[in-house]
Amino acid sequence: MSTSSHARVVDADRVSAVMASLPPEPAIEGLAQVFGLLSDPGRLRLMAALLEGGEMCVCDLAAACGQSESAVSHALRLLRLNRVVKVRRSGRMAYYRLADSHVRMLFDLGLAHVTHDEAGSRD
């Protein structure tokens, strides 16, 4: 077991078990990247629009979300490069949709987390 030289260990067995079960570093870095992408309200608004509207073009997404087409294109490019959305081209038009059910679940779980106790106190 390798722990920081500054960390005290009270329950060595528990620490060892937790360390053995942690996801590998590349998975943690990938997850941090996805959460970083989702930390932008504009990108989350686009995801919400795609959840409601299904496949949509850039101009319709811009109108629905109150953003410029340029801002929407830039955000969608980032989301596509990170496999959050997929694109289908039809002539000069590009239509975007959420990549898969994992993205939908991630969004829905995050939304449920922030809205489940709006009336009560937050710990």
N, C-alpha and C. Protein backbone atom coordinates (compact mmCIF):
# COMPACT_ATOMS: atom_id res chain seq x y z
N MET A 1 0.85 -1.17 0.00
CA MET A 1 0.00 0.00 0.00
C MET A 1 0.89 1.23 0.00
N SER A 2 0.59 2.14 -0.90
CA SER A 2 1.39 3.36 -1.00
C SER A 2 0.51 4.54 -0.65
N THR A 3 0.82 5.17 0.47
CA THR A 3 0.08 6.38 0.86
C THR A 3 1.05 7.52 0.95
N SER A 4 0.53 8.72 0.97
CA SER A 4 1.37 9.90 1.12
C SER A 4 2.12 9.81 2.43
N SER A 5 3.36 10.26 2.45
CA SER A 5 4.15 10.21 3.68
C SER A 5 3.58 11.13 4.74
N HIS A 6 2.67 12.03 4.37
CA HIS A 6 2.08 12.96 5.33
C HIS A 6 0.71 12.50 5.82
N ALA A 7 0.18 11.44 5.26
CA ALA A 7 -1.15 10.99 5.63
C ALA A 7 -1.07 9.98 6.77
N ARG A 8 -1.83 10.24 7.80
CA ARG A 8 -1.93 9.25 8.88
C ARG A 8 -2.93 8.19 8.45
N VAL A 9 -2.71 6.95 8.86
CA VAL A 9 -3.62 5.86 8.56
C VAL A 9 -4.12 5.28 9.87
N VAL A 10 -5.44 5.30 10.05
CA VAL A 10 -6.05 4.74 11.24
C VAL A 10 -6.49 3.31 10.97
N ASP A 11 -7.12 3.09 9.80
CA ASP A 11 -7.64 1.77 9.45
C ASP A 11 -6.96 1.30 8.16
N ALA A 12 -5.81 0.67 8.31
CA ALA A 12 -4.99 0.27 7.16
C ALA A 12 -5.72 -0.67 6.22
N ASP A 13 -6.52 -1.59 6.76
CA ASP A 13 -7.25 -2.52 5.90
C ASP A 13 -8.27 -1.78 5.03
N ARG A 14 -8.97 -0.84 5.62
CA ARG A 14 -9.95 -0.07 4.85
C ARG A 14 -9.26 0.77 3.79
N VAL A 15 -8.15 1.41 4.16
CA VAL A 15 -7.40 2.23 3.21
C VAL A 15 -6.93 1.37 2.04
N SER A 16 -6.41 0.19 2.33
CA SER A 16 -5.94 -0.73 1.27
C SER A 16 -7.09 -1.14 0.36
N ALA A 17 -8.24 -1.47 0.95
CA ALA A 17 -9.39 -1.89 0.15
C ALA A 17 -9.87 -0.76 -0.75
N VAL A 18 -9.93 0.45 -0.21
CA VAL A 18 -10.37 1.60 -1.00
C VAL A 18 -9.39 1.87 -2.13
N MET A 19 -8.11 1.85 -1.82
CA MET A 19 -7.10 2.11 -2.85
C MET A 19 -7.18 1.08 -3.97
N ALA A 20 -7.43 -0.18 -3.62
CA ALA A 20 -7.52 -1.24 -4.62
C ALA A 20 -8.75 -1.09 -5.51
N SER A 21 -9.81 -0.45 -4.97
CA SER A 21 -11.05 -0.35 -5.74
C SER A 21 -11.18 0.96 -6.51
N LEU A 22 -10.27 1.90 -6.30
CA LEU A 22 -10.36 3.16 -7.04
C LEU A 22 -10.20 2.92 -8.54
N PRO A 23 -10.93 3.68 -9.36
CA PRO A 23 -10.76 3.55 -10.81
C PRO A 23 -9.32 3.91 -11.21
N PRO A 24 -8.85 3.35 -12.32
CA PRO A 24 -7.50 3.70 -12.79
C PRO A 24 -7.40 5.19 -13.12
N GLU A 25 -6.21 5.72 -13.04
CA GLU A 25 -5.99 7.16 -13.24
C GLU A 25 -6.53 7.67 -14.57
N PRO A 26 -6.34 6.95 -15.69
CA PRO A 26 -6.91 7.46 -16.96
C PRO A 26 -8.43 7.61 -16.90
N ALA A 27 -9.11 6.72 -16.20
CA ALA A 27 -10.57 6.83 -16.07
C ALA A 27 -10.94 8.05 -15.24
N ILE A 28 -10.21 8.30 -14.17
CA ILE A 28 -10.47 9.48 -13.33
C ILE A 28 -10.24 10.76 -14.13
N GLU A 29 -9.16 10.79 -14.92
CA GLU A 29 -8.87 11.97 -15.74
C GLU A 29 -9.95 12.19 -16.79
N GLY A 30 -10.42 11.10 -17.42
CA GLY A 30 -11.49 11.21 -18.40
C GLY A 30 -12.78 11.72 -17.78
N LEU A 31 -13.09 11.22 -16.60
CA LEU A 31 -14.29 11.65 -15.89
C LEU A 31 -14.19 13.14 -15.52
N ALA A 32 -13.03 13.56 -15.08
CA ALA A 32 -12.83 14.97 -14.75
C ALA A 32 -13.02 15.84 -16.00
N GLN A 33 -12.58 15.35 -17.13
CA GLN A 33 -12.74 16.10 -18.37
C GLN A 33 -14.22 16.24 -18.73
N VAL A 34 -14.97 15.15 -18.60
CA VAL A 34 -16.41 15.20 -18.89
C VAL A 34 -17.11 16.15 -17.93
N PHE A 35 -16.81 16.05 -16.62
CA PHE A 35 -17.43 16.96 -15.67
C PHE A 35 -17.02 18.40 -15.93
N GLY A 36 -15.80 18.61 -16.39
CA GLY A 36 -15.37 19.95 -16.76
C GLY A 36 -16.19 20.50 -17.92
N LEU A 37 -16.45 19.66 -18.91
CA LEU A 37 -17.29 20.07 -20.04
C LEU A 37 -18.69 20.44 -19.56
N LEU A 38 -19.18 19.68 -18.60
CA LEU A 38 -20.54 19.89 -18.12
C LEU A 38 -20.64 21.01 -17.11
N SER A 39 -19.52 21.64 -16.78
CA SER A 39 -19.55 22.71 -15.78
C SER A 39 -19.98 24.05 -16.38
N ASP A 40 -20.17 24.10 -17.68
CA ASP A 40 -20.55 25.34 -18.35
C ASP A 40 -22.08 25.40 -18.53
N PRO A 41 -22.74 26.43 -18.00
CA PRO A 41 -24.21 26.52 -18.13
C PRO A 41 -24.70 26.52 -19.58
N GLY A 42 -23.94 27.14 -20.47
CA GLY A 42 -24.35 27.15 -21.88
C GLY A 42 -24.37 25.76 -22.49
N ARG A 43 -23.35 24.96 -22.19
CA ARG A 43 -23.31 23.59 -22.71
C ARG A 43 -24.42 22.75 -22.08
N LEU A 44 -24.68 22.96 -20.79
CA LEU A 44 -25.76 22.22 -20.13
C LEU A 44 -27.12 22.59 -20.74
N ARG A 45 -27.28 23.86 -21.07
CA ARG A 45 -28.52 24.31 -21.71
C ARG A 45 -28.70 23.59 -23.05
N LEU A 46 -27.61 23.46 -23.81
CA LEU A 46 -27.68 22.75 -25.09
C LEU A 46 -28.06 21.28 -24.88
N MET A 47 -27.48 20.67 -23.85
CA MET A 47 -27.82 19.27 -23.56
C MET A 47 -29.30 19.14 -23.20
N ALA A 48 -29.80 20.08 -22.40
CA ALA A 48 -31.22 20.05 -22.02
C ALA A 48 -32.10 20.19 -23.27
N ALA A 49 -31.69 21.07 -24.18
CA ALA A 49 -32.46 21.25 -25.42
C ALA A 49 -32.45 19.97 -26.24
N LEU A 50 -31.31 19.31 -26.31
CA LEU A 50 -31.23 18.06 -27.07
C LEU A 50 -32.02 16.94 -26.39
N LEU A 51 -32.08 16.95 -25.06
CA LEU A 51 -32.91 15.98 -24.35
C LEU A 51 -34.38 16.16 -24.72
N GLU A 52 -34.81 17.42 -24.79
CA GLU A 52 -36.21 17.71 -25.09
C GLU A 52 -36.52 17.61 -26.58
N GLY A 53 -35.61 18.14 -27.40
CA GLY A 53 -35.91 18.26 -28.83
C GLY A 53 -35.39 17.13 -29.69
N GLY A 54 -34.57 16.25 -29.12
CA GLY A 54 -33.97 15.20 -29.94
C GLY A 54 -32.92 15.80 -30.85
N GLU A 55 -32.87 15.33 -32.06
CA GLU A 55 -31.87 15.82 -33.02
C GLU A 55 -32.25 17.22 -33.50
N MET A 56 -31.29 18.16 -33.40
CA MET A 56 -31.56 19.55 -33.79
C MET A 56 -30.36 20.14 -34.52
N CYS A 57 -30.62 21.10 -35.39
CA CYS A 57 -29.54 21.80 -36.09
C CYS A 57 -29.04 22.96 -35.22
N VAL A 58 -27.88 23.49 -35.59
CA VAL A 58 -27.24 24.56 -34.83
C VAL A 58 -28.14 25.77 -34.70
N CYS A 59 -28.78 26.19 -35.79
CA CYS A 59 -29.59 27.40 -35.73
C CYS A 59 -30.79 27.22 -34.81
N ASP A 60 -31.43 26.06 -34.84
CA ASP A 60 -32.56 25.81 -33.95
C ASP A 60 -32.11 25.73 -32.49
N LEU A 61 -30.96 25.12 -32.25
CA LEU A 61 -30.42 25.08 -30.89
C LEU A 61 -30.11 26.48 -30.39
N ALA A 62 -29.52 27.30 -31.25
CA ALA A 62 -29.20 28.68 -30.87
C ALA A 62 -30.46 29.44 -30.49
N ALA A 63 -31.51 29.29 -31.31
CA ALA A 63 -32.78 29.98 -31.03
C ALA A 63 -33.41 29.47 -29.74
N ALA A 64 -33.39 28.16 -29.53
CA ALA A 64 -34.02 27.57 -28.35
C ALA A 64 -33.29 27.95 -27.06
N CYS A 65 -31.97 28.11 -27.16
CA CYS A 65 -31.16 28.35 -25.96
C CYS A 65 -30.80 29.81 -25.76
N GLY A 66 -31.15 30.67 -26.71
CA GLY A 66 -30.85 32.09 -26.57
C GLY A 66 -29.37 32.39 -26.69
N GLN A 67 -28.67 31.63 -27.53
CA GLN A 67 -27.23 31.82 -27.74
C GLN A 67 -26.98 32.11 -29.22
N SER A 68 -25.81 32.64 -29.52
CA SER A 68 -25.45 32.86 -30.92
C SER A 68 -25.12 31.54 -31.59
N GLU A 69 -25.29 31.49 -32.90
CA GLU A 69 -24.94 30.28 -33.63
C GLU A 69 -23.45 29.97 -33.46
N SER A 70 -22.62 31.00 -33.42
CA SER A 70 -21.18 30.81 -33.25
C SER A 70 -20.88 30.15 -31.90
N ALA A 71 -21.51 30.63 -30.83
CA ALA A 71 -21.29 30.06 -29.50
C ALA A 71 -21.78 28.61 -29.44
N VAL A 72 -22.93 28.36 -30.06
CA VAL A 72 -23.48 27.00 -30.08
C VAL A 72 -22.56 26.07 -30.87
N SER A 73 -22.08 26.52 -32.02
CA SER A 73 -21.16 25.69 -32.83
C SER A 73 -19.91 25.35 -32.04
N HIS A 74 -19.35 26.33 -31.35
CA HIS A 74 -18.14 26.10 -30.57
C HIS A 74 -18.40 25.08 -29.45
N ALA A 75 -19.50 25.27 -28.74
CA ALA A 75 -19.84 24.35 -27.64
C ALA A 75 -20.09 22.94 -28.16
N LEU A 76 -20.80 22.83 -29.27
CA LEU A 76 -21.09 21.51 -29.84
C LEU A 76 -19.82 20.82 -30.33
N ARG A 77 -18.88 21.60 -30.84
CA ARG A 77 -17.60 21.02 -31.28
C ARG A 77 -16.88 20.38 -30.09
N LEU A 78 -16.84 21.09 -28.96
CA LEU A 78 -16.22 20.54 -27.75
C LEU A 78 -16.96 19.29 -27.28
N LEU A 79 -18.28 19.35 -27.26
CA LEU A 79 -19.06 18.20 -26.82
C LEU A 79 -18.88 17.01 -27.76
N ARG A 80 -18.78 17.28 -29.04
CA ARG A 80 -18.59 16.18 -30.02
C ARG A 80 -17.21 15.55 -29.87
N LEU A 81 -16.19 16.38 -29.70
CA LEU A 81 -14.83 15.85 -29.55
C LEU A 81 -14.69 14.98 -28.31
N ASN A 82 -15.55 15.21 -27.33
CA ASN A 82 -15.52 14.43 -26.10
C ASN A 82 -16.65 13.39 -26.04
N ARG A 83 -17.24 13.11 -27.18
CA ARG A 83 -18.24 12.05 -27.35
C ARG A 83 -19.49 12.24 -26.51
N VAL A 84 -19.85 13.50 -26.25
CA VAL A 84 -21.08 13.79 -25.52
C VAL A 84 -22.25 13.92 -26.50
N VAL A 85 -21.97 14.48 -27.68
CA VAL A 85 -22.98 14.57 -28.74
C VAL A 85 -22.44 13.93 -30.01
N LYS A 86 -23.37 13.57 -30.89
CA LYS A 86 -23.02 13.04 -32.21
C LYS A 86 -23.62 13.98 -33.25
N VAL A 87 -23.01 13.99 -34.42
CA VAL A 87 -23.49 14.85 -35.50
C VAL A 87 -23.88 14.00 -36.70
N ARG A 88 -24.92 14.45 -37.40
CA ARG A 88 -25.32 13.85 -38.68
C ARG A 88 -25.39 14.99 -39.67
N ARG A 89 -24.72 14.82 -40.77
CA ARG A 89 -24.70 15.88 -41.79
C ARG A 89 -25.68 15.53 -42.91
N SER A 90 -26.41 16.56 -43.34
CA SER A 90 -27.35 16.41 -44.44
C SER A 90 -27.16 17.63 -45.34
N GLY A 91 -26.40 17.45 -46.41
CA GLY A 91 -26.04 18.59 -47.25
C GLY A 91 -25.15 19.53 -46.46
N ARG A 92 -25.57 20.79 -46.37
CA ARG A 92 -24.78 21.78 -45.63
C ARG A 92 -25.21 21.89 -44.17
N MET A 93 -26.25 21.16 -43.80
CA MET A 93 -26.77 21.22 -42.43
C MET A 93 -26.13 20.14 -41.57
N ALA A 94 -25.94 20.48 -40.30
CA ALA A 94 -25.44 19.53 -39.31
C ALA A 94 -26.49 19.40 -38.22
N TYR A 95 -26.86 18.18 -37.91
CA TYR A 95 -27.86 17.91 -36.88
C TYR A 95 -27.18 17.17 -35.72
N TYR A 96 -27.42 17.66 -34.52
CA TYR A 96 -26.77 17.11 -33.33
C TYR A 96 -27.77 16.39 -32.46
N ARG A 97 -27.28 15.37 -31.75
CA ARG A 97 -28.07 14.64 -30.77
C ARG A 97 -27.14 14.18 -29.66
N LEU A 98 -27.70 13.86 -28.49
CA LEU A 98 -26.87 13.32 -27.42
C LEU A 98 -26.30 11.98 -27.87
N ALA A 99 -25.08 11.69 -27.46
CA ALA A 99 -24.36 10.53 -27.98
C ALA A 99 -25.00 9.21 -27.59
N ASP A 100 -25.42 9.05 -26.35
CA ASP A 100 -25.97 7.77 -25.93
C ASP A 100 -26.73 7.92 -24.62
N SER A 101 -27.26 6.82 -24.16
CA SER A 101 -28.08 6.85 -22.95
C SER A 101 -27.26 7.20 -21.71
N HIS A 102 -25.95 6.95 -21.73
CA HIS A 102 -25.11 7.31 -20.58
C HIS A 102 -25.11 8.82 -20.37
N VAL A 103 -25.05 9.57 -21.46
CA VAL A 103 -25.06 11.02 -21.37
C VAL A 103 -26.40 11.49 -20.81
N ARG A 104 -27.48 10.87 -21.27
CA ARG A 104 -28.81 11.21 -20.76
C ARG A 104 -28.90 10.92 -19.26
N MET A 105 -28.40 9.76 -18.84
CA MET A 105 -28.45 9.40 -17.42
C MET A 105 -27.62 10.35 -16.58
N LEU A 106 -26.43 10.71 -17.07
CA LEU A 106 -25.56 11.62 -16.34
C LEU A 106 -26.25 12.97 -16.14
N PHE A 107 -26.85 13.47 -17.19
CA PHE A 107 -27.56 14.74 -17.11
C PHE A 107 -28.75 14.64 -16.15
N ASP A 108 -29.56 13.60 -16.32
CA ASP A 108 -30.74 13.43 -15.48
C ASP A 108 -30.37 13.26 -14.00
N LEU A 109 -29.32 12.48 -13.72
CA LEU A 109 -28.89 12.29 -12.33
C LEU A 109 -28.39 13.59 -11.72
N GLY A 110 -27.63 14.36 -12.50
CA GLY A 110 -27.15 15.65 -12.00
C GLY A 110 -28.30 16.59 -11.72
N LEU A 111 -29.27 16.63 -12.62
CA LEU A 111 -30.42 17.49 -12.43
C LEU A 111 -31.23 17.05 -11.21
N ALA A 112 -31.41 15.75 -11.05
CA ALA A 112 -32.13 15.23 -9.89
C ALA A 112 -31.40 15.60 -8.60
N HIS A 113 -30.09 15.55 -8.64
CA HIS A 113 -29.30 15.87 -7.45
C HIS A 113 -29.50 17.32 -7.02
N VAL A 114 -29.50 18.23 -7.97
CA VAL A 114 -29.60 19.65 -7.60
C VAL A 114 -31.03 20.09 -7.32
N THR A 115 -32.02 19.31 -7.73
CA THR A 115 -33.41 19.73 -7.54
C THR A 115 -34.16 18.89 -6.51
N HIS A 116 -33.58 17.83 -5.98
CA HIS A 116 -34.34 16.90 -5.12
C HIS A 116 -34.73 17.51 -3.78
N ASP A 117 -34.01 18.53 -3.33
CA ASP A 117 -34.31 19.08 -2.01
C ASP A 117 -34.28 20.61 -2.07
N GLU A 118 -34.88 21.17 -3.13
CA GLU A 118 -34.84 22.63 -3.27
C GLU A 118 -35.53 23.34 -2.12
N ALA A 119 -36.60 22.76 -1.57
CA ALA A 119 -37.35 23.42 -0.52
C ALA A 119 -36.68 23.29 0.85
N GLY A 120 -35.91 22.22 1.03
CA GLY A 120 -35.30 21.98 2.34
C GLY A 120 -33.91 22.57 2.43
N SER A 121 -33.29 22.32 3.54
CA SER A 121 -31.93 22.82 3.72
C SER A 121 -30.95 21.91 3.01
N ARG A 122 -29.80 22.47 2.70
CA ARG A 122 -28.76 21.70 2.01
C ARG A 122 -27.63 21.44 2.98
N ASP A 123 -27.18 20.19 2.97
CA ASP A 123 -26.06 19.83 3.87
C ASP A 123 -24.75 19.96 3.16
